[in-house]
PDB file of N, CA and C in Angstrom:
ATOM      1  N   UNK A   1     -34.200 -13.511  11.918  1.00  0.00           N
ATOM      2  CA  UNK A   1     -32.654 -13.493  11.176  1.00  0.00           C
ATOM      3  C   UNK A   1     -32.113 -12.096  10.912  1.00  0.00           C
ATOM      4  N   UNK A   2     -30.672 -12.119  11.100  1.00  0.00           N
ATOM      5  CA  UNK A   2     -30.577 -10.769  10.227  1.00  0.00           C
ATOM      6  C   UNK A   2     -30.221 -11.005   9.071  1.00  0.00           C
ATOM      7  N   UNK A   3     -30.372  -9.903   7.620  1.00  0.00           N
ATOM      8  CA  UNK A   3     -29.903 -10.447   6.756  1.00  0.00           C
ATOM      9  C   UNK A   3     -28.950  -9.080   6.103  1.00  0.00           C
ATOM     10  N   UNK A   4     -28.261  -9.773   5.397  1.00  0.00           N
ATOM     11  CA  UNK A   4     -26.932  -8.759   4.564  1.00  0.00           C
ATOM     12  C   UNK A   4     -26.592  -9.050   3.463  1.00  0.00           C
ATOM     13  N   UNK A   5     -26.259  -8.190   2.577  1.00  0.00           N
ATOM     14  CA  UNK A   5     -25.071  -8.299   1.531  1.00  0.00           C
ATOM     15  C   UNK A   5     -23.864  -8.161   1.633  1.00  0.00           C
ATOM     16  N   UNK A   6     -23.073  -9.002   1.485  1.00  0.00           N
ATOM     17  CA  UNK A   6     -21.529  -8.933   1.407  1.00  0.00           C
ATOM     18  C   UNK A   6     -20.858  -8.862  -0.175  1.00  0.00           C
ATOM     19  N   UNK A   7     -20.097  -7.871  -0.883  1.00  0.00           N
ATOM     20  CA  UNK A   7     -19.578  -7.922  -1.816  1.00  0.00           C
ATOM     21  C   UNK A   7     -18.130  -7.399  -1.689  1.00  0.00           C
ATOM     22  N   UNK A   8     -17.650  -8.434  -1.487  1.00  0.00           N
ATOM     23  CA  UNK A   8     -15.942  -7.985  -1.371  1.00  0.00           C
ATOM     24  C   UNK A   8     -15.146  -7.598  -2.443  1.00  0.00           C
ATOM     25  N   UNK A   9     -14.596  -6.507  -2.450  1.00  0.00           N
ATOM     26  CA  UNK A   9     -13.721  -5.895  -3.823  1.00  0.00           C
ATOM     27  C   UNK A   9     -12.792  -7.168  -3.889  1.00  0.00           C
ATOM     28  N   UNK A  10     -12.199  -7.219  -5.475  1.00  0.00           N
ATOM     29  CA  UNK A  10     -11.084  -7.733  -5.947  1.00  0.00           C
ATOM     30  C   UNK A  10     -10.283  -7.443  -5.104  1.00  0.00           C
ATOM     31  N   UNK A  11      -9.224  -8.307  -4.437  1.00  0.00           N
ATOM     32  CA  UNK A  11      -7.783  -8.201  -3.668  1.00  0.00           C
ATOM     33  C   UNK A  11      -6.380  -8.897  -4.489  1.00  0.00           C
ATOM     34  N   UNK A  12      -5.511  -7.989  -4.313  1.00  0.00           N
ATOM     35  CA  UNK A  12      -4.311  -8.622  -5.086  1.00  0.00           C
ATOM     36  C   UNK A  12      -3.190  -8.444  -3.891  1.00  0.00           C
ATOM     37  N   UNK A  13      -2.572  -9.575  -3.405  1.00  0.00           N
ATOM     38  CA  UNK A  13      -1.704  -9.305  -2.945  1.00  0.00           C
ATOM     39  C   UNK A  13      -0.003  -9.561  -3.463  1.00  0.00           C
ATOM     40  N   UNK A  14       0.782  -8.862  -3.214  1.00  0.00           N
ATOM     41  CA  UNK A  14       2.180  -8.880  -3.984  1.00  0.00           C
ATOM     42  C   UNK A  14       3.083  -9.113  -3.089  1.00  0.00           C
ATOM     43  N   UNK A  15       3.653 -10.375  -2.558  1.00  0.00           N
ATOM     44  CA  UNK A  15       4.521 -10.546  -1.360  1.00  0.00           C
ATOM     45  C   UNK A  15       5.893 -11.241  -1.977  1.00  0.00           C
ATOM     46  N   UNK A  16       7.081 -10.803  -1.222  1.00  0.00           N
ATOM     47  CA  UNK A  16       8.243 -11.592  -1.491  1.00  0.00           C
ATOM     48  C   UNK A  16       8.986 -10.273  -1.449  1.00  0.00           C
ATOM     49  N   UNK A  17      10.706 -10.927  -1.112  1.00  0.00           N
ATOM     50  CA  UNK A  17      11.910 -10.004  -1.516  1.00  0.00           C
ATOM     51  C   UNK A  17      12.064  -9.394  -2.558  1.00  0.00           C
ATOM     52  N   UNK A  18      12.379  -8.360  -2.462  1.00  0.00           N
ATOM     53  CA  UNK A  18      12.422  -7.134  -3.639  1.00  0.00           C
ATOM     54  C   UNK A  18      10.873  -6.855  -4.632  1.00  0.00           C
ATOM     55  N   UNK A  19       9.979  -7.209  -4.149  1.00  0.00           N
ATOM     56  CA  UNK A  19       8.973  -6.838  -4.699  1.00  0.00           C
ATOM     57  C   UNK A  19       8.305  -5.569  -4.613  1.00  0.00           C
ATOM     58  N   UNK A  20       9.038  -4.716  -3.636  1.00  0.00           N
ATOM     59  CA  UNK A  20       8.494  -3.046  -3.518  1.00  0.00           C
ATOM     60  C   UNK A  20       9.093  -2.370  -4.847  1.00  0.00           C
ATOM     61  N   UNK A  21      10.350  -2.973  -5.480  1.00  0.00           N
ATOM     62  CA  UNK A  21      10.737  -2.586  -6.481  1.00  0.00           C
ATOM     63  C   UNK A  21       9.823  -2.561  -8.003  1.00  0.00           C
ATOM     64  N   UNK A  22       8.770  -3.267  -8.001  1.00  0.00           N
ATOM     65  CA  UNK A  22       7.280  -3.421  -8.628  1.00  0.00           C
ATOM     66  C   UNK A  22       6.321  -2.575  -8.589  1.00  0.00           C
ATOM     67  N   UNK A  23       6.466  -1.577  -7.424  1.00  0.00           N
ATOM     68  CA  UNK A  23       5.572  -0.552  -7.413  1.00  0.00           C
ATOM     69  C   UNK A  23       4.800  -0.073  -8.089  1.00  0.00           C
ATOM     70  N   UNK A  24       6.188   0.754  -8.579  1.00  0.00           N
ATOM     71  CA  UNK A  24       5.426   1.299 -10.127  1.00  0.00           C
ATOM     72  C   UNK A  24       4.642   0.801 -11.036  1.00  0.00           C
ATOM     73  N   UNK A  25       5.292  -0.739 -11.412  1.00  0.00           N
ATOM     74  CA  UNK A  25       4.351  -1.489 -12.553  1.00  0.00           C
ATOM     75  C   UNK A  25       2.826  -1.657 -11.622  1.00  0.00           C
ATOM     76  N   UNK A  26       2.923  -2.171 -10.820  1.00  0.00           N
ATOM     77  CA  UNK A  26       1.504  -2.307 -10.008  1.00  0.00           C
ATOM     78  C   UNK A  26       0.288  -1.128  -9.945  1.00  0.00           C
ATOM     79  N   UNK A  27       1.019   0.016  -9.571  1.00  0.00           N
ATOM     80  CA  UNK A  27       0.430   1.311  -9.460  1.00  0.00           C
ATOM     81  C   UNK A  27      -0.076   1.407 -11.087  1.00  0.00           C
ATOM     82  N   UNK A  28       0.807   1.402 -12.272  1.00  0.00           N
ATOM     83  CA  UNK A  28       0.328   1.319 -13.483  1.00  0.00           C
ATOM     84  C   UNK A  28      -0.774   0.272 -13.871  1.00  0.00           C
ATOM     85  N   UNK A  29      -0.762  -0.666 -13.517  1.00  0.00           N
ATOM     86  CA  UNK A  29      -1.630  -1.861 -13.770  1.00  0.00           C
ATOM     87  C   UNK A  29      -3.084  -1.523 -12.896  1.00  0.00           C
ATOM     88  N   UNK A  30      -3.250  -0.546 -11.942  1.00  0.00           N
ATOM     89  CA  UNK A  30      -4.441   0.011 -11.394  1.00  0.00           C
ATOM     90  C   UNK A  30      -4.766   1.004 -12.163  1.00  0.00           C
ATOM     91  N   UNK A  31      -4.387   1.625 -13.024  1.00  0.00           N
ATOM     92  CA  UNK A  31      -4.334   2.876 -13.995  1.00  0.00           C
ATOM     93  C   UNK A  31      -4.538   4.208 -13.329  1.00  0.00           C
ATOM     94  N   UNK A  32      -3.942   3.853 -11.880  1.00  0.00           N
ATOM     95  CA  UNK A  32      -3.338   5.320 -10.888  1.00  0.00           C
ATOM     96  C   UNK A  32      -2.160   6.034 -11.707  1.00  0.00           C
ATOM     97  N   UNK A  33      -2.333   7.400 -11.389  1.00  0.00           N
ATOM     98  CA  UNK A  33      -1.776   8.545 -11.989  1.00  0.00           C
ATOM     99  C   UNK A  33      -0.884   8.682 -10.818  1.00  0.00           C
ATOM    100  N   UNK A  34      -1.482   9.382  -9.633  1.00  0.00           N
ATOM    101  CA  UNK A  34      -1.228   9.880  -8.684  1.00  0.00           C
ATOM    102  C   UNK A  34      -1.737   9.058  -7.366  1.00  0.00           C
ATOM    103  N   UNK A  35      -0.298   8.919  -6.310  1.00  0.00           N
ATOM    104  CA  UNK A  35      -0.790   8.296  -5.088  1.00  0.00           C
ATOM    105  C   UNK A  35      -0.079   8.539  -3.997  1.00  0.00           C
ATOM    106  N   UNK A  36      -0.986   8.421  -2.865  1.00  0.00           N
ATOM    107  CA  UNK A  36      -0.501   8.945  -1.400  1.00  0.00           C
ATOM    108  C   UNK A  36       0.407   7.841  -0.624  1.00  0.00           C
ATOM    109  N   UNK A  37       1.275   7.551  -0.350  1.00  0.00           N
ATOM    110  CA  UNK A  37       1.871   6.811   0.382  1.00  0.00           C
ATOM    111  C   UNK A  37       1.322   7.200   1.744  1.00  0.00           C
ATOM    112  N   UNK A  38       0.857   5.903   2.503  1.00  0.00           N
ATOM    113  CA  UNK A  38       0.430   5.957   3.878  1.00  0.00           C
ATOM    114  C   UNK A  38       1.355   5.207   4.668  1.00  0.00           C
ATOM    115  N   UNK A  39       1.609   5.478   6.071  1.00  0.00           N
ATOM    116  CA  UNK A  39       2.178   4.730   6.913  1.00  0.00           C
ATOM    117  C   UNK A  39       1.804   5.072   8.231  1.00  0.00           C
ATOM    118  N   UNK A  40       2.464   4.263   9.457  1.00  0.00           N
ATOM    119  CA  UNK A  40       2.414   4.613  10.404  1.00  0.00           C
ATOM    120  C   UNK A  40       3.364   5.850  11.015  1.00  0.00           C
ATOM    121  N   UNK A  41       3.766   6.137  12.016  1.00  0.00           N
ATOM    122  CA  UNK A  41       5.104   7.128  12.174  1.00  0.00           C
ATOM    123  C   UNK A  41       6.173   6.189  12.264  1.00  0.00           C
ATOM    124  N   UNK A  42       6.275   4.935  12.514  1.00  0.00           N
ATOM    125  CA  UNK A  42       7.092   4.175  12.753  1.00  0.00           C
ATOM    126  C   UNK A  42       7.701   3.375  11.311  1.00  0.00           C
ATOM    127  N   UNK A  43       6.594   3.224  10.661  1.00  0.00           N
ATOM    128  CA  UNK A  43       7.114   2.886   9.203  1.00  0.00           C
ATOM    129  C   UNK A  43       7.693   4.149   8.075  1.00  0.00           C
ATOM    130  N   UNK A  44       7.997   5.508   8.786  1.00  0.00           N
ATOM    131  CA  UNK A  44       7.785   6.567   7.773  1.00  0.00           C
ATOM    132  C   UNK A  44       8.637   6.063   6.408  1.00  0.00           C
ATOM    133  N   UNK A  45      10.128   5.716   7.023  1.00  0.00           N
ATOM    134  CA  UNK A  45      10.941   5.539   5.806  1.00  0.00           C
ATOM    135  C   UNK A  45      10.693   4.633   5.003  1.00  0.00           C
ATOM    136  N   UNK A  46       9.539   3.630   4.674  1.00  0.00           N
ATOM    137  CA  UNK A  46       9.574   2.991   3.973  1.00  0.00           C
ATOM    138  C   UNK A  46       8.025   3.010   3.454  1.00  0.00           C
ATOM    139  N   UNK A  47       7.494   4.344   3.875  1.00  0.00           N
ATOM    140  CA  UNK A  47       6.794   5.379   2.855  1.00  0.00           C
ATOM    141  C   UNK A  47       7.555   5.978   2.039  1.00  0.00           C
ATOM    142  N   UNK A  48       8.674   6.643   2.543  1.00  0.00           N
ATOM    143  CA  UNK A  48       9.451   7.701   1.744  1.00  0.00           C
ATOM    144  C   UNK A  48      10.111   6.977   0.817  1.00  0.00           C
ATOM    145  N   UNK A  49      10.623   5.924   0.606  1.00  0.00           N
ATOM    146  CA  UNK A  49      11.070   4.812  -0.032  1.00  0.00           C
ATOM    147  C   UNK A  49      10.131   4.488  -1.032  1.00  0.00           C
ATOM    148  N   UNK A  50       8.681   4.235  -0.751  1.00  0.00           N
ATOM    149  CA  UNK A  50       8.144   4.011  -1.817  1.00  0.00           C
ATOM    150  C   UNK A  50       7.566   4.960  -2.755  1.00  0.00           C
ATOM    151  N   UNK A  51       7.649   6.351  -2.271  1.00  0.00           N
ATOM    152  CA  UNK A  51       7.418   7.293  -2.526  1.00  0.00           C
ATOM    153  C   UNK A  51       8.734   8.227  -3.731  1.00  0.00           C
ATOM    154  N   UNK A  52       9.589   7.363  -3.149  1.00  0.00           N
ATOM    155  CA  UNK A  52      10.668   7.918  -4.157  1.00  0.00           C
ATOM    156  C   UNK A  52      10.665   6.963  -5.454  1.00  0.00           C
ATOM    157  N   UNK A  53      10.040   5.648  -5.109  1.00  0.00           N
ATOM    158  CA  UNK A  53      10.261   4.169  -6.438  1.00  0.00           C
ATOM    159  C   UNK A  53       9.013   5.005  -7.463  1.00  0.00           C
ATOM    160  N   UNK A  54       8.122   5.845  -6.738  1.00  0.00           N
ATOM    161  CA  UNK A  54       7.018   6.278  -7.657  1.00  0.00           C
ATOM    162  C   UNK A  54       7.150   7.586  -8.310  1.00  0.00           C
ATOM    163  N   UNK A  55       8.396   7.963  -7.605  1.00  0.00           N
ATOM    164  CA  UNK A  55       8.814   9.599  -8.442  1.00  0.00           C
ATOM    165  C   UNK A  55       7.793  10.818  -8.848  1.00  0.00           C
ATOM    166  N   UNK A  56       7.478  11.042  -9.877  1.00  0.00           N
ATOM    167  CA  UNK A  56       6.333  12.152 -10.111  1.00  0.00           C
ATOM    168  C   UNK A  56       4.875  11.710  -9.871  1.00  0.00           C
ATOM    169  N   UNK A  57       4.729  10.173  -9.716  1.00  0.00           N
ATOM    170  CA  UNK A  57       3.208  10.063  -9.396  1.00  0.00           C
ATOM    171  C   UNK A  57       2.716   9.845  -7.841  1.00  0.00           C
ATOM    172  N   UNK A  58       4.020   9.975  -6.836  1.00  0.00           N
ATOM    173  CA  UNK A  58       3.414  10.108  -5.497  1.00  0.00           C
ATOM    174  C   UNK A  58       3.356  11.866  -5.335  1.00  0.00           C
ATOM    175  N   UNK A  59       2.318  11.440  -4.301  1.00  0.00           N
ATOM    176  CA  UNK A  59       1.440  13.395  -4.350  1.00  0.00           C
ATOM    177  C   UNK A  59       2.065  13.877  -3.041  1.00  0.00           C
ATOM    178  N   UNK A  60       2.854  12.479  -1.967  1.00  0.00           N
ATOM    179  CA  UNK A  60       2.710  13.206  -0.659  1.00  0.00           C
ATOM    180  C   UNK A  60       3.353  11.724   0.142  1.00  0.00           C
ATOM    181  N   UNK A  61       3.139  11.958   1.404  1.00  0.00           N
ATOM    182  CA  UNK A  61       3.291  11.140   2.179  1.00  0.00           C
ATOM    183  C   UNK A  61       2.283  10.976   3.562  1.00  0.00           C
ATOM    184  N   UNK A  62       1.533  10.563   3.958  1.00  0.00           N
ATOM    185  CA  UNK A  62       0.852  10.617   5.640  1.00  0.00           C
ATOM    186  C   UNK A  62       1.245   9.891   6.197  1.00  0.00           C
ATOM    187  N   UNK A  63       2.223   9.770   7.163  1.00  0.00           N
ATOM    188  CA  UNK A  63       2.505   8.713   8.089  1.00  0.00           C
ATOM    189  C   UNK A  63       2.099   9.053   9.736  1.00  0.00           C
ATOM    190  N   UNK A  64       0.627   9.392   9.539  1.00  0.00           N
ATOM    191  CA  UNK A  64       0.082   9.077  10.979  1.00  0.00           C
ATOM    192  C   UNK A  64      -1.083   8.477  11.037  1.00  0.00           C
ATOM    193  N   UNK A  65      -1.058   7.131  10.056  1.00  0.00           N
ATOM    194  CA  UNK A  65      -2.040   6.226   9.953  1.00  0.00           C
ATOM    195  C   UNK A  65      -1.786   5.566  11.241  1.00  0.00           C
ATOM    196  N   UNK A  66      -2.995   4.699  11.871  1.00  0.00           N
ATOM    197  CA  UNK A  66      -3.087   3.924  12.952  1.00  0.00           C
ATOM    198  C   UNK A  66      -3.838   2.745  12.646  1.00  0.00           C
ATOM    199  N   UNK A  67      -3.549   1.807  13.689  1.00  0.00           N
ATOM    200  CA  UNK A  67      -4.248   0.696  13.535  1.00  0.00           C
ATOM    201  C   UNK A  67      -5.518   1.472  14.258  1.00  0.00           C
ATOM    202  N   UNK A  68      -6.560   0.355  13.874  1.00  0.00           N
ATOM    203  CA  UNK A  68      -7.937   0.986  14.085  1.00  0.00           C
ATOM    204  C   UNK A  68      -8.191   2.867  14.332  1.00  0.00           C
ATOM    205  N   UNK A  69      -8.250   3.287  13.732  1.00  0.00           N
ATOM    206  CA  UNK A  69      -7.827   4.567  13.068  1.00  0.00           C
ATOM    207  C   UNK A  69      -8.883   5.436  13.939  1.00  0.00           C
ATOM    208  N   UNK A  70      -8.414   6.443  14.563  1.00  0.00           N
ATOM    209  CA  UNK A  70      -8.938   7.468  15.368  1.00  0.00           C
ATOM    210  C   UNK A  70      -9.531   8.398  14.606  1.00  0.00           C
ATOM    211  N   UNK A  71     -10.937   8.737  14.969  1.00  0.00           N
ATOM    212  CA  UNK A  71     -11.698   9.771  14.073  1.00  0.00           C
ATOM    213  C   UNK A  71     -10.965  10.779  13.878  1.00  0.00           C
ATOM    214  N   UNK A  72     -10.307  11.396  14.706  1.00  0.00           N
ATOM    215  CA  UNK A  72      -9.438  12.831  14.277  1.00  0.00           C
ATOM    216  C   UNK A  72      -8.075  12.304  13.199  1.00  0.00           C
ATOM    217  N   UNK A  73      -7.579  11.069  13.244  1.00  0.00           N
ATOM    218  CA  UNK A  73      -6.758  10.722  12.171  1.00  0.00           C
ATOM    219  C   UNK A  73      -7.595  10.818  10.764  1.00  0.00           C
ATOM    220  N   UNK A  74      -8.471   9.840  10.889  1.00  0.00           N
ATOM    221  CA  UNK A  74      -9.619   9.827   9.399  1.00  0.00           C
ATOM    222  C   UNK A  74     -10.183  10.855   8.966  1.00  0.00           C
ATOM    223  N   UNK A  75     -10.275  12.242   9.754  1.00  0.00           N
ATOM    224  CA  UNK A  75     -10.785  13.266   9.383  1.00  0.00           C
ATOM    225  C   UNK A  75      -9.486  14.046   8.757  1.00  0.00           C
TER     226      UNK A  75
END
């Protein structure tokens, strides 16, 4: 029989209308000071909005994310 260990990391999901307005508070709760906004090309506007809300904590936007990330994109 195959043996393995699985240790999931704690997860927090924040969901609902208007919750993006609380993004800066969530980032602060995590203790993060610099954030990269990730999105797919089609969702770039949302990443730009998130970066605007984060103000100087946002270090940039990467709009090349893809489901089942190709190795070229990950590199």
